[in-house]
Protein backbone atom coordinates (compact mmCIF):
# COMPACT_ATOMS: atom_id res chain seq x y z
CA UNK A 1 -20.42 -5.95 16.85
CA UNK A 2 -18.73 -3.52 19.27
CA UNK A 3 -18.17 -5.11 22.57
CA UNK A 4 -15.07 -3.12 23.24
CA UNK A 5 -16.42 0.43 22.70
CA UNK A 6 -17.63 -0.10 26.49
CA UNK A 7 -17.60 -2.67 28.97
CA UNK A 8 -21.40 -3.37 28.33
CA UNK A 9 -22.04 -2.54 24.85
CA UNK A 10 -23.80 -5.00 22.67
CA UNK A 11 -23.65 -6.21 19.01
CA UNK A 12 -23.84 -5.06 16.26
CA UNK A 13 -21.69 -2.13 15.99
CA UNK A 14 -21.87 0.59 13.38
CA UNK A 15 -23.04 -1.08 10.19
CA UNK A 16 -22.61 0.91 6.71
CA UNK A 17 -25.25 -0.52 4.23
CA UNK A 18 -24.28 -1.03 0.57
CA UNK A 19 -25.90 -0.53 -2.62
CA UNK A 20 -28.14 -3.04 -4.40
CA UNK A 21 -26.07 -3.96 -7.32
CA UNK A 22 -26.19 -7.48 -8.20
CA UNK A 23 -23.70 -8.97 -10.52
CA UNK A 24 -22.64 -12.31 -11.60
CA UNK A 25 -19.55 -12.40 -9.96
CA UNK A 26 -21.21 -11.61 -6.74
CA UNK A 27 -24.17 -13.63 -6.02
CA UNK A 28 -24.47 -12.39 -2.20
CA UNK A 29 -27.46 -10.06 -1.78
CA UNK A 30 -26.62 -6.57 -1.11
CA UNK A 31 -28.66 -3.98 0.65
CA UNK A 32 -29.70 -0.52 -0.40
CA UNK A 33 -29.78 1.99 2.39
CA UNK A 34 -33.54 2.83 1.43
CA UNK A 35 -34.05 -1.16 2.03
CA UNK A 36 -33.77 -0.69 5.59
CA UNK A 37 -37.28 0.65 6.62
CA UNK A 38 -37.52 3.32 9.09
CA UNK A 39 -40.48 4.86 11.06
CA UNK A 40 -41.51 8.37 9.81
CA UNK A 41 -41.52 9.25 13.56
CA UNK A 42 -37.53 8.35 13.91
CA UNK A 43 -37.03 9.84 10.59
CA UNK A 44 -38.55 13.19 11.53
CA UNK A 45 -36.60 13.23 14.71
CA UNK A 46 -33.45 12.63 12.83
CA UNK A 47 -34.44 15.40 10.48
CA UNK A 48 -34.61 18.01 13.35
CA UNK A 49 -31.32 16.79 14.84
CA UNK A 50 -29.68 17.23 11.74
CA UNK A 51 -31.26 20.53 11.11
CA UNK A 52 -29.39 21.80 14.33
CA UNK A 53 -26.12 19.68 13.88
CA UNK A 54 -25.40 20.19 10.09
CA UNK A 55 -25.07 23.88 10.26
CA UNK A 56 -22.21 23.66 12.38
CA UNK A 57 -20.50 22.33 9.21
CA UNK A 58 -22.25 25.08 6.95
CA UNK A 59 -25.19 23.08 5.53
CA UNK A 60 -28.61 24.47 5.79
CA UNK A 61 -31.69 22.03 5.91
CA UNK A 62 -32.52 22.51 1.96
CA UNK A 63 -28.68 21.58 1.06
CA UNK A 64 -29.15 18.01 2.49
CA UNK A 65 -31.57 15.05 2.76
CA UNK A 66 -31.46 11.59 4.65
CA UNK A 67 -31.18 8.70 2.36
CA UNK A 68 -31.55 6.15 5.22
CA UNK A 69 -29.74 4.79 8.47
CA UNK A 70 -26.73 2.61 9.08
CA UNK A 71 -28.90 -0.09 10.45
CA UNK A 72 -32.46 -0.87 11.20
CA UNK A 73 -34.45 1.23 13.25
CA UNK A 74 -37.57 1.31 15.28
CA UNK A 75 -39.86 3.67 17.15
CA UNK A 76 -38.34 2.94 20.15
CA UNK A 77 -34.77 3.19 18.97
CA UNK A 78 -34.40 6.66 18.89
CA UNK A 79 -32.38 7.20 22.35
CA UNK A 80 -29.61 9.48 23.71
CA UNK A 81 -27.02 6.80 22.42
CA UNK A 82 -27.09 6.58 18.74
CA UNK A 83 -27.05 3.10 17.43
CA UNK A 84 -28.54 3.49 13.66
CA UNK A 85 -26.83 6.77 12.47
CA UNK A 86 -28.31 8.70 9.60
CA UNK A 87 -26.87 8.57 5.95
CA UNK A 88 -27.16 11.99 4.15
CA UNK A 89 -26.72 13.12 0.85
CA UNK A 90 -25.16 16.45 0.87
CA UNK A 91 -24.09 18.28 -2.11
CA UNK A 92 -24.44 15.08 -4.17
CA UNK A 93 -22.01 13.17 -1.75
CA UNK A 94 -23.07 10.63 1.01
CA UNK A 95 -22.05 10.83 4.56
CA UNK A 96 -22.85 9.37 7.72
CA UNK A 97 -23.81 11.78 10.52
CA UNK A 98 -22.54 10.02 13.80
CA UNK A 99 -23.38 10.94 17.46
CA UNK A 100 -20.94 10.24 20.05
CA UNK A 101 -21.77 8.50 23.34
CA UNK A 102 -22.20 11.39 25.95
CA UNK A 103 -19.68 9.58 28.16
CA UNK A 104 -16.90 10.49 25.20
CA UNK A 105 -14.40 13.44 25.71
CA UNK A 106 -13.51 16.00 23.37
CA UNK A 107 -9.93 14.86 24.28
CA UNK A 108 -10.54 11.28 23.12
CA UNK A 109 -12.51 12.59 19.89
CA UNK A 110 -9.42 14.78 18.81
CA UNK A 111 -7.06 11.79 19.42
CA UNK A 112 -9.23 9.37 17.61
CA UNK A 113 -9.43 11.59 14.76
CA UNK A 114 -5.62 12.13 14.46
CA UNK A 115 -5.26 8.37 14.37
CA UNK A 116 -7.63 8.22 11.65
CA UNK A 117 -6.26 11.06 9.39
CA UNK A 118 -2.72 9.31 9.84
CA UNK A 119 -3.79 5.97 8.75
CA UNK A 120 -5.42 7.63 6.00
CA UNK A 121 -2.05 9.27 4.94
CA UNK A 122 -0.52 5.90 5.22
CA UNK A 123 -3.11 4.35 2.62
CA UNK A 124 -5.37 2.67 4.94
CA UNK A 125 -8.93 2.83 3.72
CA UNK A 126 -10.35 5.20 6.48
CA UNK A 127 -13.07 7.21 5.08
CA UNK A 128 -12.58 10.71 5.20
CA UNK A 129 -13.77 13.23 8.15
CA UNK A 130 -15.34 16.23 6.94
CA UNK A 131 -14.04 19.54 8.00
CA UNK A 132 -15.94 22.49 9.64
CA UNK A 133 -15.37 25.75 8.48
CA UNK A 134 -13.00 26.63 11.18
CA UNK A 135 -11.15 23.22 10.27
CA UNK A 136 -12.28 20.78 13.23
CA UNK A 137 -13.51 17.61 12.63
CA UNK A 138 -16.31 17.53 15.04
CA UNK A 139 -18.92 19.73 16.85
CA UNK A 140 -19.87 20.15 20.26
CA UNK A 141 -23.47 20.97 20.41
CA UNK A 142 -24.68 22.48 23.49
CA UNK A 143 -28.43 21.55 22.84
CA UNK A 144 -30.34 19.40 20.46
CA UNK A 145 -34.32 19.64 21.33
CA UNK A 146 -35.82 16.41 19.74
CA UNK A 147 -39.71 16.79 18.74
CA UNK A 148 -41.69 13.43 18.40
CA UNK A 149 -44.70 14.10 16.11
CA UNK A 150 -46.41 11.08 17.74
CA UNK A 151 -46.37 12.80 20.88
CA UNK A 152 -48.99 15.94 21.78
CA UNK A 153 -46.72 17.05 24.54
CA UNK A 154 -44.28 18.17 22.01
CA UNK A 155 -40.28 17.64 23.02
CA UNK A 156 -39.74 14.18 24.32
CA UNK A 157 -36.30 14.95 25.68
CA UNK A 158 -33.23 17.30 24.88
CA UNK A 159 -29.75 16.30 24.07
CA UNK A 160 -27.15 18.29 25.80
CA UNK A 161 -23.55 18.62 25.08
CA UNK A 162 -23.36 16.04 22.47
CA UNK A 163 -20.66 15.57 20.18
CA UNK A 164 -21.00 14.85 16.16
CA UNK A 165 -18.66 13.86 13.65
CA UNK A 166 -19.45 13.73 9.76
CA UNK A 167 -17.58 10.89 7.83
CA UNK A 168 -17.67 10.27 4.14
CA UNK A 169 -19.70 7.09 3.13
CA UNK A 170 -18.11 4.42 1.05
CA UNK A 171 -19.91 1.52 -0.42
CA UNK A 172 -18.63 -1.83 -0.01
CA UNK A 173 -19.70 -5.88 0.21
CA UNK A 174 -19.98 -7.31 3.66
CA UNK A 175 -18.01 -10.65 4.73
CA UNK A 176 -20.38 -13.67 4.73
CA UNK A 177 -18.86 -16.94 5.57
CA UNK A 178 -19.31 -19.31 3.05
CA UNK A 179 -20.06 -16.47 0.51
CA UNK A 180 -18.38 -16.84 -3.17
CA UNK A 181 -15.48 -14.28 -1.75
CA UNK A 182 -15.06 -15.19 1.66
CA UNK A 183 -11.78 -16.86 1.10
CA UNK A 184 -10.62 -13.49 -0.83
CA UNK A 185 -12.03 -11.21 1.89
CA UNK A 186 -10.72 -13.08 4.85
CA UNK A 187 -7.05 -12.59 3.43
CA UNK A 188 -7.82 -8.92 2.60
CA UNK A 189 -9.02 -8.28 6.21
CA UNK A 190 -5.87 -9.84 7.44
CA UNK A 191 -3.53 -7.95 5.27
CA UNK A 192 -5.31 -4.87 6.16
CA UNK A 193 -4.99 -5.35 9.65
CA UNK A 194 -1.23 -5.96 9.32
CA UNK A 195 -1.21 -2.86 7.21
CA UNK A 196 -3.11 -0.66 10.27
CA UNK A 197 -0.77 -2.24 12.91
CA UNK A 198 2.39 -1.21 10.92
CA UNK A 199 1.52 1.92 10.09
CA UNK A 200 0.18 2.31 13.66
CA UNK A 201 3.88 1.57 15.48
CA UNK A 202 4.92 4.79 13.67
CA UNK A 203 1.81 7.00 15.07
CA UNK A 204 3.35 10.05 16.76
CA UNK A 205 0.54 10.34 18.99
CA UNK A 206 -0.93 11.25 21.40
CA UNK A 207 -1.27 7.99 23.11
CA UNK A 208 -4.67 7.07 24.00
CA UNK A 209 -4.56 5.20 27.13
CA UNK A 210 -7.80 3.49 28.19
CA UNK A 211 -8.55 3.46 32.20
CA UNK A 212 -8.34 0.33 34.27
CA UNK A 213 -12.03 -0.22 34.11
CA UNK A 214 -11.75 -0.50 30.23
CA UNK A 215 -8.83 -2.72 30.16
CA UNK A 216 -9.36 -6.25 28.35
CA UNK A 217 -9.26 -8.13 31.55
CA UNK A 218 -11.87 -5.34 33.03
CA UNK A 219 -14.37 -6.06 30.03
CA UNK A 220 -14.10 -9.63 30.03
CA UNK A 221 -15.02 -9.67 33.50
CA UNK A 222 -17.83 -7.31 32.87
CA UNK A 223 -18.94 -10.04 30.13
CA UNK A 224 -18.81 -12.65 32.56
CA UNK A 225 -20.86 -10.74 35.23
CA UNK A 226 -23.54 -10.24 32.53
CA UNK A 227 -23.42 -13.97 31.38
CA UNK A 228 -23.88 -14.92 34.99
CA UNK A 229 -26.73 -12.41 35.55
CA UNK A 230 -28.58 -13.33 32.28
CA UNK A 231 -29.08 -16.88 34.17
CA UNK A 232 -31.73 -14.95 36.45
CA UNK A 233 -34.01 -14.07 33.68
CA UNK A 234 -37.31 -15.70 33.93
CA UNK A 235 -37.44 -17.08 30.42
CA UNK A 236 -34.28 -18.76 30.46
CA UNK A 237 -34.49 -22.67 30.74
CA UNK A 238 -33.08 -24.14 34.01
CA UNK A 239 -30.45 -26.18 31.99
CA UNK A 240 -29.53 -23.00 30.18
CA UNK A 241 -29.22 -21.00 33.18
CA UNK A 242 -27.13 -23.59 34.80
CA UNK A 243 -24.72 -23.83 32.14
CA UNK A 244 -24.43 -19.93 32.00
CA UNK A 245 -23.46 -19.66 35.85
CA UNK A 246 -21.00 -22.42 35.26
CA UNK A 247 -19.30 -21.06 32.19
CA UNK A 248 -18.93 -17.47 34.14
CA UNK A 249 -17.41 -19.18 37.32
CA UNK A 250 -15.07 -21.27 35.45
CA UNK A 251 -14.34 -18.81 32.91
CA UNK A 252 -12.89 -16.03 35.50
CA UNK A 253 -10.22 -18.77 36.39
CA UNK A 254 -8.77 -19.24 32.76
CA UNK A 255 -9.09 -15.59 31.85
CA UNK A 256 -7.00 -14.54 34.93
CA UNK A 257 -4.41 -16.91 34.17
CA UNK A 258 -4.35 -15.84 30.80
CA UNK A 259 -3.79 -12.18 31.47
CA UNK A 260 -1.25 -13.26 34.09
CA UNK A 261 0.67 -14.75 31.23
CA UNK A 262 0.46 -12.06 29.02
CA UNK A 263 1.29 -9.22 31.87
CA UNK A 264 4.48 -11.55 32.26
CA UNK A 265 5.65 -10.14 28.76
CA UNK A 266 5.65 -6.56 28.70
CA UNK A 267 7.97 -6.63 25.81
CA UNK A 268 5.69 -7.59 23.57
CA UNK A 269 4.35 -4.96 20.86
CA UNK A 270 2.04 -2.22 22.26
CA UNK A 271 0.73 0.18 19.70
CA UNK A 272 -2.69 2.12 18.74
CA UNK A 273 -5.32 -0.54 17.92
CA UNK A 274 -8.63 -0.19 16.01
CA UNK A 275 -10.50 -1.73 18.92
CA UNK A 276 -13.23 -3.41 17.12
CA UNK A 277 -11.73 -4.94 13.84
CA UNK A 278 -14.39 -7.62 12.91
CA UNK A 279 -16.39 -8.09 9.87
CA UNK A 280 -19.20 -5.76 10.67
CA UNK A 281 -16.69 -2.83 10.66
CA UNK A 282 -15.27 -3.56 7.31
CA UNK A 283 -16.41 -3.35 3.60
CA UNK A 284 -14.66 -5.12 0.65
CA UNK A 285 -14.45 -4.24 -3.12
CA UNK A 286 -13.12 -6.81 -5.42
CA UNK A 287 -9.64 -8.35 -3.47
CA UNK A 288 -9.57 -5.59 -0.94
CA UNK A 289 -10.76 -3.76 1.94
CA UNK A 290 -12.28 -0.74 0.53
CA UNK A 291 -13.24 1.02 3.98
CA UNK A 292 -12.74 0.19 7.72
CA UNK A 293 -15.38 2.02 10.03
CA UNK A 294 -15.82 2.75 13.64
CA UNK A 295 -12.58 3.69 15.34
CA UNK A 296 -14.94 4.45 18.68
CA UNK A 297 -12.78 1.78 20.55
CA UNK A 298 -9.34 3.01 19.29
CA UNK A 299 -6.75 2.73 22.26
CA UNK A 300 -3.26 1.85 23.08
CA UNK A 301 -2.94 -1.74 23.68
CA UNK A 302 -1.01 -4.89 23.04
CA UNK A 303 -1.42 -5.87 19.37
CA UNK A 304 -1.79 -9.66 20.04
CA UNK A 305 -5.09 -9.02 21.80
CA UNK A 306 -6.44 -7.10 18.56
CA UNK A 307 -5.33 -10.17 16.47
CA UNK A 308 -6.92 -12.59 18.75
CA UNK A 309 -9.98 -10.63 18.61
CA UNK A 310 -9.86 -10.38 14.70
CA UNK A 311 -9.24 -14.31 14.29
CA UNK A 312 -11.75 -15.01 16.70
CA UNK A 313 -14.71 -13.22 14.92
CA UNK A 314 -12.95 -14.24 11.17
CA UNK A 315 -12.51 -18.06 12.02
CA UNK A 316 -14.65 -18.63 15.04
CA UNK A 317 -17.98 -17.37 14.34
CA UNK A 318 -20.64 -17.43 11.47
CA UNK A 319 -21.51 -14.54 9.43
CA UNK A 320 -24.84 -15.03 7.57
CA UNK A 321 -26.18 -12.62 5.11
CA UNK A 322 -28.52 -11.37 7.77
CA UNK A 323 -25.41 -10.65 10.10
CA UNK A 324 -23.61 -9.10 7.24
CA UNK A 325 -26.79 -6.73 6.28
CA UNK A 326 -27.25 -6.07 10.22
CA UNK A 327 -30.92 -7.46 9.64
CA UNK A 328 -29.76 -10.03 12.54
CA UNK A 329 -27.11 -9.86 14.96
CA UNK A 330 -26.83 -13.79 14.70
CA UNK A 331 -23.12 -14.76 14.90
CA UNK A 332 -23.20 -18.40 15.98
CA UNK A 333 -19.75 -20.47 16.30
CA UNK A 334 -18.38 -21.44 13.12
CA UNK A 335 -17.42 -25.04 13.99
CA UNK A 336 -18.41 -27.21 17.21
CA UNK A 337 -15.30 -26.72 18.95
CA UNK A 338 -12.89 -23.69 19.26
CA UNK A 339 -12.06 -22.27 15.56
CA UNK A 340 -12.17 -23.20 12.31
CA UNK A 341 -8.22 -24.51 11.69
CA UNK A 342 -7.72 -24.06 8.16
CA UNK A 343 -9.54 -20.41 8.20
CA UNK A 344 -7.33 -19.72 11.20
CA UNK A 345 -4.08 -20.53 9.45
CA UNK A 346 -4.94 -18.66 6.43
CA UNK A 347 -5.68 -15.47 8.41
CA UNK A 348 -2.52 -15.83 10.60
CA UNK A 349 -0.46 -16.70 7.59
CA UNK A 350 -1.74 -13.57 5.68
CA UNK A 351 -1.11 -11.29 8.84
CA UNK A 352 2.17 -12.78 9.55
CA UNK A 353 3.71 -12.10 6.08
CA UNK A 354 4.11 -8.35 6.77
CA UNK A 355 3.56 -8.13 10.50
CA UNK A 356 5.38 -11.26 12.12
CA UNK A 357 5.38 -11.93 15.50
CA UNK A 358 8.16 -10.74 17.95
CA UNK A 359 10.01 -13.38 20.11
CA UNK A 360 7.77 -15.03 22.33
CA UNK A 361 4.39 -13.30 20.92
CA UNK A 362 3.44 -15.97 18.85
CA UNK A 363 3.01 -18.11 22.05
CA UNK A 364 0.94 -15.87 23.90
CA UNK A 365 -2.03 -15.96 20.96
CA UNK A 366 -3.75 -18.77 22.98
CA UNK A 367 -3.59 -16.55 25.80
CA UNK A 368 -5.24 -13.31 24.00
CA UNK A 369 -7.99 -15.69 22.66
CA UNK A 370 -8.71 -16.86 25.94
CA UNK A 371 -9.20 -13.25 27.23
CA UNK A 372 -11.19 -12.33 24.33
CA UNK A 373 -13.58 -15.27 24.26
CA UNK A 374 -16.02 -13.86 27.10
CA UNK A 375 -16.16 -10.55 25.30
CA UNK A 376 -17.11 -12.24 21.76
CA UNK A 377 -19.45 -14.74 23.59
CA UNK A 378 -21.42 -12.22 25.57
CA UNK A 379 -21.73 -9.53 22.71
CA UNK A 380 -22.24 -12.10 19.76
CA UNK A 381 -22.66 -15.78 20.21
CA UNK A 382 -25.11 -15.36 23.32
CA UNK A 383 -26.41 -12.08 22.65
CA UNK A 384 -29.89 -13.26 22.23
CA UNK A 385 -29.81 -14.46 25.93
CA UNK A 386 -27.08 -11.70 27.35
CA UNK A 387 -28.31 -8.18 26.76
CA UNK A 388 -27.25 -6.41 29.90
CA UNK A 389 -30.51 -4.21 29.99
CA UNK A 390 -32.80 -6.42 31.65
CA UNK A 391 -34.47 -7.46 28.45
CA UNK A 392 -34.09 -11.01 27.09
CA UNK A 393 -35.10 -12.39 23.67
CA UNK A 394 -34.33 -15.86 22.32
CA UNK A 395 -33.17 -15.98 18.52
CA UNK A 396 -31.78 -19.18 18.81
CA UNK A 397 -33.34 -22.49 19.95
CA UNK A 398 -32.64 -23.99 23.32
CA UNK A 399 -30.78 -26.86 21.41
CA UNK A 400 -28.65 -24.11 19.83
CA UNK A 401 -28.00 -22.17 22.83
CA UNK A 402 -26.80 -25.49 24.52
CA UNK A 403 -24.50 -26.34 21.73
CA UNK A 404 -23.17 -22.48 21.84
CA UNK A 405 -22.77 -23.10 25.83
CA UNK A 406 -20.63 -26.12 24.76
CA UNK A 407 -18.44 -24.52 22.54
CA UNK A 408 -17.58 -21.89 25.08
CA UNK A 409 -16.81 -24.31 27.67
CA UNK A 410 -14.88 -26.36 25.66
CA UNK A 411 -12.99 -23.42 24.26
CA UNK A 412 -9.92 -23.75 26.57
CA UNK A 413 -9.18 -27.37 26.09
CA UNK A 414 -9.37 -26.93 22.25
CA UNK A 415 -7.06 -23.98 22.71
CA UNK A 416 -4.33 -26.18 24.66
CA UNK A 417 -4.85 -28.85 21.91
CA UNK A 418 -3.80 -26.01 19.08
CA UNK A 419 -1.97 -23.43 20.90
CA UNK A 420 1.26 -24.73 18.89
CA UNK A 421 -0.35 -24.72 15.78
CA UNK A 422 -1.80 -21.34 15.93
CA UNK A 423 1.71 -19.90 17.10
CA UNK A 424 3.26 -21.83 14.06
CA UNK A 425 1.14 -20.53 11.80
CA UNK A 426 1.65 -16.81 12.53
CA UNK A 427 5.61 -17.95 12.49
CA UNK A 428 5.52 -19.92 9.37
CA UNK A 429 4.67 -16.81 7.40
CA UNK A 430 8.20 -15.29 7.89
CA UNK A 431 9.82 -18.64 6.46
CA UNK A 432 7.78 -18.43 3.34
């Protein structure tokens, strides 16, 4: 789930599969990296790509092998924008080779890597970046030719000026709603987010500001455009199409009001946030988070927005075993209306014990949730309808789609009824 990486990117985000190790204490199924089948053509193209890229780290082809990918792949999924990254065994160690979006600048990469290394030095579970022989942590590769063995014509395309990074791979377990360790993982996720935000307050920089078109309001508005546009798809039923247009129209009003209330309080904490802190980007071990992945969306922003986003994904969406293993991106609403209030209280209490709200900040949590809802709805709850690429696929039944629309449309009413409760849950942690 990475809706914040770009204004039009869809779920799921980078997924790091975990080994198949069944234990009595953890009956939740795990996934071995080789259990995600990949077409041989895709593997061959990745092998050719890596033969060029890994030489920048000093690794010749005989020194490594591909063990799998960070998500399911098909013959059509090998594109210039990487979604499933190869997992490679290098010198008996597992690493992930990540190709960045071609729109990402070197300046952004440098700032992101500085933040990641700073967090790791502060004790956060951020997988290490591998240094190149010259000490840099990324490579700008001028030309990467890719050959598709299925095509008699040879080269299918060439990637030019792509930026790569190599990151250590950490095994871990995934968050599954109603799983045996859900309560432990939810608290651990909240505590780790608080630790990340505390550390970020002292980050010496540089400040990584996003441009105006990538501000949260702009991303929310872009999500609403995608929601409205999806109503024109031929295989969307009339009632669902009408509901999508109505949701987009009404949502535009309440997210504008929410942003206005947030903007009226410039004194609330701003810091560097992870940018996509949600279950797909965390791995757990025992009672703690053992890895935080995918810092692609890290930027300077209001911390209440990241808290709201994390709260919405952990206490508002349902993560089944399929979603946890990246086999399916289904993340429907967890409850009929709003958030699961008990899960929300647990998350906010755990977060607030070491990251309490500043004066007036807790009262803005409801507004931050309203601003995040269209993003989460378009990129998660309704991703089977809203793809933003001219394609439509229906995972959920029409009845489920109508229920999801009702959840989104009633969310503002739920927020108004529970705004004080959520704020008190964050504040109450200070008194305990």
